[in-house]
Structures are given as structure tokens and as C-alpha cells.
Amino acid sequence: MPLLRITYQRGEITDRQKAKLAEELTPVLLVGEVGTDSQEGREGTFVLFHEIDAKSEWFVGGKPDLETPKGGRFLLEIWYLEGAATQSEKTEVHSKMNDILSDVLEVDGAFPNRMKAWWIIINEVTEGTWGAGGVTVGIEAANEALGGKADRAEYFERHLEARKKMIETNGFPTERA
């Protein structure tokens, strides 16, 4: 159930580049969340493009962004279920996405060259807050539905158990009294 939203400045990419980005980024998203690229995973992976006007909707330093760098500015926002990916897996997603973006846009994507031009942010959706088909979907169900690797279960089960202990230890409420 990975979701990627790419926000970019109007006119910075062509339809051909969008199609290439979607095709090449999809397996990176899947491997990051479920450990493998599968057909069932592809069917549950969304890549959305959001084009905005740099003159009226994209501001840098408090001013409209009238002088964009070669290759444009991009914000790639990823949503994974909490506990789906380890930090090293997230780092791998950052690296591979950067390489793909650099290749498709034909720019040097090395840090810090693109630091002011594009960001890749991984958001984690808390267990119990992602729903599909009228059902609350957790990491275990998502991993299974997307054809994820079974050996990932140990990590997310430990993660969810640690989260549960933290909630209990600190007395966080889970329901209203």
C-alpha cells in the first residue's frame, strides 16, 4: 500500500518523464515497504503527480520561486505503514529514488547539489490509521496483500510489540472511558 505523491513545478517534467518516473519508482516503493516487487504489490501502489505554479504556489525564502535550478524543484512524499521499513531500508529508498530522479531529469543529484531542489520524505502511518475497502489495514495484512516477504514479519512484529509496551508503560489511552 505504498503511496508516493510527487509535487513539482509546472512545466518541469513531460508526460514521458512522468511515466518513466512512475514505472521506475514503483518497485523501489514496494521493496522499501514489503521487501519485494510483485504484481499484487504493484496493483496496490499509487504514484500521484501534483503540478503547481511556481509563481503563485511555490515559495522559497518567503518569495515566489522565479529562478528554479536546472531540473526543477520536487517534493517526493512517501507513505508507508509504521514498522514496515527499517532505517537502512528507508535510506536505500532515499538513495534509489534520488538516482532515478537524477537520471530521468538528467541532473547531478549528488548531495548537497540537490538539497535545495528536491526532498524525499518518508511518512509513517501509525498502525490502525490506514484503511482500504472499509477495513482498517495494519502492517501484517498489508504485507500479505502486497505479496511481501514473510521474513519481514519478525521486524514489524517486534516493532509493534515495542510500540504497544510504550503505550502501556506511559499510560497512553487507547479508548475513551
C-alpha atoms as a PDB file:
ATOM      1  CA  MET A   1       0.000   0.000   0.000  1.00  0.00           C
ATOM      2  CA  PRO A   2       2.820   2.424  -0.590  1.00  0.00           C
ATOM      3  CA  LEU A   3       1.775   5.848  -1.755  1.00  0.00           C
ATOM      4  CA  LEU A   4       4.050   8.383  -3.432  1.00  0.00           C
ATOM      5  CA  ARG A   5       2.977  11.936  -4.198  1.00  0.00           C
ATOM      6  CA  ILE A   6       5.343  13.931  -6.381  1.00  0.00           C
ATOM      7  CA  THR A   7       4.778  17.674  -6.203  1.00  0.00           C
ATOM      8  CA  TYR A   8       6.635  19.638  -8.852  1.00  0.00           C
ATOM      9  CA  GLN A   9       6.628  22.996 -10.570  1.00  0.00           C
ATOM     10  CA  ARG A  10       4.507  23.386 -13.684  1.00  0.00           C
ATOM     11  CA  GLY A  11       6.378  22.612 -16.861  1.00  0.00           C
ATOM     12  CA  GLU A  12       9.376  20.933 -15.209  1.00  0.00           C
ATOM     13  CA  ILE A  13       8.616  17.415 -16.474  1.00  0.00           C
ATOM     14  CA  THR A  14       6.998  15.917 -19.528  1.00  0.00           C
ATOM     15  CA  ASP A  15       4.330  13.218 -19.651  1.00  0.00           C
ATOM     16  CA  ARG A  16       7.041  10.815 -20.868  1.00  0.00           C
ATOM     17  CA  GLN A  17       9.203  11.635 -17.834  1.00  0.00           C
ATOM     18  CA  LYS A  18       6.220  11.167 -15.510  1.00  0.00           C
ATOM     19  CA  ALA A  19       5.533   7.731 -16.963  1.00  0.00           C
ATOM     20  CA  LYS A  20       9.212   6.779 -16.633  1.00  0.00           C
ATOM     21  CA  LEU A  21       9.356   8.034 -13.035  1.00  0.00           C
ATOM     22  CA  ALA A  22       6.195   6.135 -12.073  1.00  0.00           C
ATOM     23  CA  GLU A  23       7.476   2.922 -13.673  1.00  0.00           C
ATOM     24  CA  GLU A  24      10.942   3.112 -12.110  1.00  0.00           C
ATOM     25  CA  LEU A  25       9.915   4.396  -8.668  1.00  0.00           C
ATOM     26  CA  THR A  26       7.142   1.830  -8.096  1.00  0.00           C
ATOM     27  CA  PRO A  27       9.456  -1.152  -7.450  1.00  0.00           C
ATOM     28  CA  VAL A  28      11.602   0.992  -5.137  1.00  0.00           C
ATOM     29  CA  LEU A  29       8.490   1.851  -3.109  1.00  0.00           C
ATOM     30  CA  LEU A  30       7.451  -1.785  -2.894  1.00  0.00           C
ATOM     31  CA  VAL A  31      10.839  -3.168  -1.933  1.00  0.00           C
ATOM     32  CA  GLY A  32      11.052  -0.486   0.749  1.00  0.00           C
ATOM     33  CA  GLU A  33       7.724  -1.422   2.308  1.00  0.00           C
ATOM     34  CA  VAL A  34       7.334  -5.165   1.724  1.00  0.00           C
ATOM     35  CA  GLY A  35      10.775  -6.334   0.621  1.00  0.00           C
ATOM     36  CA  THR A  36       9.857  -7.403  -2.916  1.00  0.00           C
ATOM     37  CA  ASP A  37       8.381  -6.191  -6.193  1.00  0.00           C
ATOM     38  CA  SER A  38       5.290  -8.243  -7.033  1.00  0.00           C
ATOM     39  CA  GLN A  39       2.259  -7.891  -9.291  1.00  0.00           C
ATOM     40  CA  GLU A  40      -0.123  -7.803  -6.314  1.00  0.00           C
ATOM     41  CA  GLY A  41       2.093  -5.125  -4.760  1.00  0.00           C
ATOM     42  CA  ARG A  42       2.098  -3.035  -7.947  1.00  0.00           C
ATOM     43  CA  GLU A  43      -1.699  -3.154  -8.010  1.00  0.00           C
ATOM     44  CA  GLY A  44      -1.743  -1.570  -4.531  1.00  0.00           C
ATOM     45  CA  THR A  45       0.952   1.074  -5.128  1.00  0.00           C
ATOM     46  CA  PHE A  46      -0.077   4.600  -6.098  1.00  0.00           C
ATOM     47  CA  VAL A  47       2.131   7.288  -7.634  1.00  0.00           C
ATOM     48  CA  LEU A  48       0.390  10.663  -7.873  1.00  0.00           C
ATOM     49  CA  PHE A  49       1.736  13.734  -9.653  1.00  0.00           C
ATOM     50  CA  HIS A  50       0.770  17.156  -8.362  1.00  0.00           C
ATOM     51  CA  GLU A  51       1.776  20.065 -10.579  1.00  0.00           C
ATOM     52  CA  ILE A  52       1.782  23.566  -9.104  1.00  0.00           C
ATOM     53  CA  ASP A  53       2.574  27.073 -10.329  1.00  0.00           C
ATOM     54  CA  ALA A  54       5.997  28.248  -9.128  1.00  0.00           C
ATOM     55  CA  LYS A  55       4.986  31.912  -9.392  1.00  0.00           C
ATOM     56  CA  SER A  56       1.961  31.668  -7.120  1.00  0.00           C
ATOM     57  CA  GLU A  57       2.193  28.388  -5.166  1.00  0.00           C
ATOM     58  CA  TRP A  58       5.884  27.554  -4.573  1.00  0.00           C
ATOM     59  CA  PHE A  59       7.829  29.918  -2.354  1.00  0.00           C
ATOM     60  CA  VAL A  60      11.498  29.755  -1.376  1.00  0.00           C
ATOM     61  CA  GLY A  61      12.850  32.062   1.290  1.00  0.00           C
ATOM     62  CA  GLY A  62       9.424  33.701   1.559  1.00  0.00           C
ATOM     63  CA  LYS A  63       9.297  34.730  -2.119  1.00  0.00           C
ATOM     64  CA  PRO A  64       7.800  33.154  -5.248  1.00  0.00           C
ATOM     65  CA  ASP A  65      10.295  30.738  -6.788  1.00  0.00           C
ATOM     66  CA  LEU A  66      11.061  32.558 -10.034  1.00  0.00           C
ATOM     67  CA  GLU A  67      14.578  31.153 -10.504  1.00  0.00           C
ATOM     68  CA  THR A  68      14.356  27.395 -10.269  1.00  0.00           C
ATOM     69  CA  PRO A  69      17.522  25.322 -10.544  1.00  0.00           C
ATOM     70  CA  LYS A  70      18.195  23.161 -13.622  1.00  0.00           C
ATOM     71  CA  GLY A  71      15.979  20.108 -13.297  1.00  0.00           C
ATOM     72  CA  GLY A  72      13.389  21.987 -11.220  1.00  0.00           C
ATOM     73  CA  ARG A  73      12.226  21.555  -7.661  1.00  0.00           C
ATOM     74  CA  PHE A  74      10.441  18.450  -6.424  1.00  0.00           C
ATOM     75  CA  LEU A  75       8.913  17.145  -3.237  1.00  0.00           C
ATOM     76  CA  LEU A  76       8.511  13.372  -3.088  1.00  0.00           C
ATOM     77  CA  GLU A  77       6.297  12.312  -0.177  1.00  0.00           C
ATOM     78  CA  ILE A  78       6.056   8.609   0.592  1.00  0.00           C
ATOM     79  CA  TRP A  79       3.551   7.000   2.942  1.00  0.00           C
ATOM     80  CA  TYR A  80       4.371   3.630   4.463  1.00  0.00           C
ATOM     81  CA  LEU A  81       2.696   1.811   7.299  1.00  0.00           C
ATOM     82  CA  GLU A  82       4.577   2.284  10.565  1.00  0.00           C
ATOM     83  CA  GLY A  83       7.051  -0.511  11.163  1.00  0.00           C
ATOM     84  CA  ALA A  84       7.168  -1.573   7.517  1.00  0.00           C
ATOM     85  CA  ALA A  85      10.733  -0.427   6.852  1.00  0.00           C
ATOM     86  CA  THR A  86      13.901  -0.296   8.898  1.00  0.00           C
ATOM     87  CA  GLN A  87      16.078   2.820   8.858  1.00  0.00           C
ATOM     88  CA  SER A  88      18.544   1.149   6.480  1.00  0.00           C
ATOM     89  CA  GLU A  89      15.676   0.285   4.115  1.00  0.00           C
ATOM     90  CA  LYS A  90      14.457   3.891   4.228  1.00  0.00           C
ATOM     91  CA  THR A  91      17.986   5.097   3.460  1.00  0.00           C
ATOM     92  CA  GLU A  92      18.081   2.737   0.472  1.00  0.00           C
ATOM     93  CA  VAL A  93      14.747   4.152  -0.756  1.00  0.00           C
ATOM     94  CA  HIS A  94      16.145   7.709  -0.473  1.00  0.00           C
ATOM     95  CA  SER A  95      19.249   6.731  -2.437  1.00  0.00           C
ATOM     96  CA  LYS A  96      17.497   4.830  -5.219  1.00  0.00           C
ATOM     97  CA  MET A  97      14.799   7.467  -5.685  1.00  0.00           C
ATOM     98  CA  ASN A  98      17.451  10.164  -5.878  1.00  0.00           C
ATOM     99  CA  ASP A  99      19.335   8.172  -8.534  1.00  0.00           C
ATOM    100  CA  ILE A 100      16.178   7.637 -10.602  1.00  0.00           C
ATOM    101  CA  LEU A 101      15.166  11.304 -10.381  1.00  0.00           C
ATOM    102  CA  SER A 102      18.692  12.391 -11.334  1.00  0.00           C
ATOM    103  CA  ASP A 103      18.722  10.052 -14.320  1.00  0.00           C
ATOM    104  CA  VAL A 104      15.262  10.961 -15.636  1.00  0.00           C
ATOM    105  CA  LEU A 105      15.854  14.717 -15.202  1.00  0.00           C
ATOM    106  CA  GLU A 106      19.462  14.496 -16.423  1.00  0.00           C
ATOM    107  CA  VAL A 107      20.980  16.414 -13.491  1.00  0.00           C
ATOM    108  CA  ASP A 108      23.650  15.777 -10.889  1.00  0.00           C
ATOM    109  CA  GLY A 109      21.684  14.540  -7.896  1.00  0.00           C
ATOM    110  CA  ALA A 110      24.614  14.281  -5.502  1.00  0.00           C
ATOM    111  CA  PHE A 111      24.320  15.789  -2.038  1.00  0.00           C
ATOM    112  CA  PRO A 112      24.423  18.712  -1.425  1.00  0.00           C
ATOM    113  CA  ASN A 113      23.802  19.739  -5.072  1.00  0.00           C
ATOM    114  CA  ARG A 114      20.096  18.889  -4.994  1.00  0.00           C
ATOM    115  CA  MET A 115      19.436  19.656  -1.316  1.00  0.00           C
ATOM    116  CA  LYS A 116      17.725  22.913  -2.254  1.00  0.00           C
ATOM    117  CA  ALA A 117      15.964  21.397  -5.256  1.00  0.00           C
ATOM    118  CA  TRP A 118      14.268  18.198  -4.106  1.00  0.00           C
ATOM    119  CA  TRP A 119      13.336  16.427  -0.947  1.00  0.00           C
ATOM    120  CA  ILE A 120      12.281  12.837  -0.401  1.00  0.00           C
ATOM    121  CA  ILE A 121      10.254  12.401   2.771  1.00  0.00           C
ATOM    122  CA  ILE A 122       9.009   9.104   4.193  1.00  0.00           C
ATOM    123  CA  ASN A 123       5.916   9.493   6.363  1.00  0.00           C
ATOM    124  CA  GLU A 124       4.862   6.596   8.559  1.00  0.00           C
ATOM    125  CA  VAL A 125       1.169   5.985   9.020  1.00  0.00           C
ATOM    126  CA  THR A 126       0.501   4.838  12.582  1.00  0.00           C
ATOM    127  CA  GLU A 127      -0.788   1.297  12.981  1.00  0.00           C
ATOM    128  CA  GLY A 128      -4.574   1.374  12.942  1.00  0.00           C
ATOM    129  CA  THR A 129      -4.997   4.545  10.853  1.00  0.00           C
ATOM    130  CA  TRP A 130      -4.771   3.264   7.249  1.00  0.00           C
ATOM    131  CA  GLY A 131      -7.988   1.918   5.780  1.00  0.00           C
ATOM    132  CA  ALA A 132      -8.944   0.301   2.491  1.00  0.00           C
ATOM    133  CA  GLY A 133     -12.182  -1.302   1.380  1.00  0.00           C
ATOM    134  CA  GLY A 134     -13.892  -0.262   4.610  1.00  0.00           C
ATOM    135  CA  VAL A 135     -11.358  -2.144   6.746  1.00  0.00           C
ATOM    136  CA  THR A 136      -8.551  -0.834   8.946  1.00  0.00           C
ATOM    137  CA  VAL A 137      -5.417  -2.339   7.435  1.00  0.00           C
ATOM    138  CA  GLY A 138      -2.351  -2.974   9.558  1.00  0.00           C
ATOM    139  CA  ILE A 139       1.168  -3.846   8.515  1.00  0.00           C
ATOM    140  CA  GLU A 140       0.628  -7.619   8.730  1.00  0.00           C
ATOM    141  CA  ALA A 141      -2.407  -7.555   6.433  1.00  0.00           C
ATOM    142  CA  ALA A 142      -0.747  -5.109   4.037  1.00  0.00           C
ATOM    143  CA  ASN A 143       2.416  -7.207   3.818  1.00  0.00           C
ATOM    144  CA  GLU A 144       0.352 -10.267   2.961  1.00  0.00           C
ATOM    145  CA  ALA A 145      -1.943  -8.473   0.487  1.00  0.00           C
ATOM    146  CA  LEU A 146       1.005  -6.906  -1.345  1.00  0.00           C
ATOM    147  CA  GLY A 147       2.902 -10.190  -1.648  1.00  0.00           C
ATOM    148  CA  GLY A 148       5.525  -9.074   0.848  1.00  0.00           C
ATOM    149  CA  LYS A 149       8.335 -11.224   2.123  1.00  0.00           C
ATOM    150  CA  ALA A 150       7.361 -13.376   5.105  1.00  0.00           C
ATOM    151  CA  ASP A 151      10.727 -12.829   6.797  1.00  0.00           C
ATOM    152  CA  ARG A 152       9.850  -9.151   7.315  1.00  0.00           C
ATOM    153  CA  ALA A 153       7.202 -10.186   9.848  1.00  0.00           C
ATOM    154  CA  GLU A 154       9.767 -10.614  12.648  1.00  0.00           C
ATOM    155  CA  TYR A 155      10.809  -6.969  12.355  1.00  0.00           C
ATOM    156  CA  PHE A 156       7.349  -5.425  12.253  1.00  0.00           C
ATOM    157  CA  GLU A 157       6.027  -7.744  14.975  1.00  0.00           C
ATOM    158  CA  ARG A 158       8.875  -6.631  17.277  1.00  0.00           C
ATOM    159  CA  HIS A 159       8.232  -3.015  16.293  1.00  0.00           C
ATOM    160  CA  LEU A 160       4.511  -3.256  17.042  1.00  0.00           C
ATOM    161  CA  GLU A 161       5.167  -5.045  20.361  1.00  0.00           C
ATOM    162  CA  ALA A 162       7.605  -2.307  21.414  1.00  0.00           C
ATOM    163  CA  ARG A 163       5.037   0.343  20.449  1.00  0.00           C
ATOM    164  CA  LYS A 164       2.355  -1.450  22.492  1.00  0.00           C
ATOM    165  CA  LYS A 165       4.677  -1.621  25.534  1.00  0.00           C
ATOM    166  CA  MET A 166       5.479   2.092  25.193  1.00  0.00           C
ATOM    167  CA  ILE A 167       1.768   2.939  25.154  1.00  0.00           C
ATOM    168  CA  GLU A 168       1.047   0.723  28.163  1.00  0.00           C
ATOM    169  CA  THR A 169       4.111   1.866  30.149  1.00  0.00           C
ATOM    170  CA  ASN A 170       3.263   5.521  29.686  1.00  0.00           C
ATOM    171  CA  GLY A 171      -0.452   5.085  30.259  1.00  0.00           C
ATOM    172  CA  PHE A 172      -1.489   6.454  26.869  1.00  0.00           C
ATOM    173  CA  PRO A 173      -5.212   5.954  26.435  1.00  0.00           C
ATOM    174  CA  THR A 174      -6.382   3.765  23.576  1.00  0.00           C
ATOM    175  CA  GLU A 175     -10.121   4.311  24.002  1.00  0.00           C
ATOM    176  CA  ARG A 176     -12.315   6.860  25.741  1.00  0.00           C
ATOM    177  CA  ALA A 177     -13.537   5.937  29.196  1.00  0.00           C
END
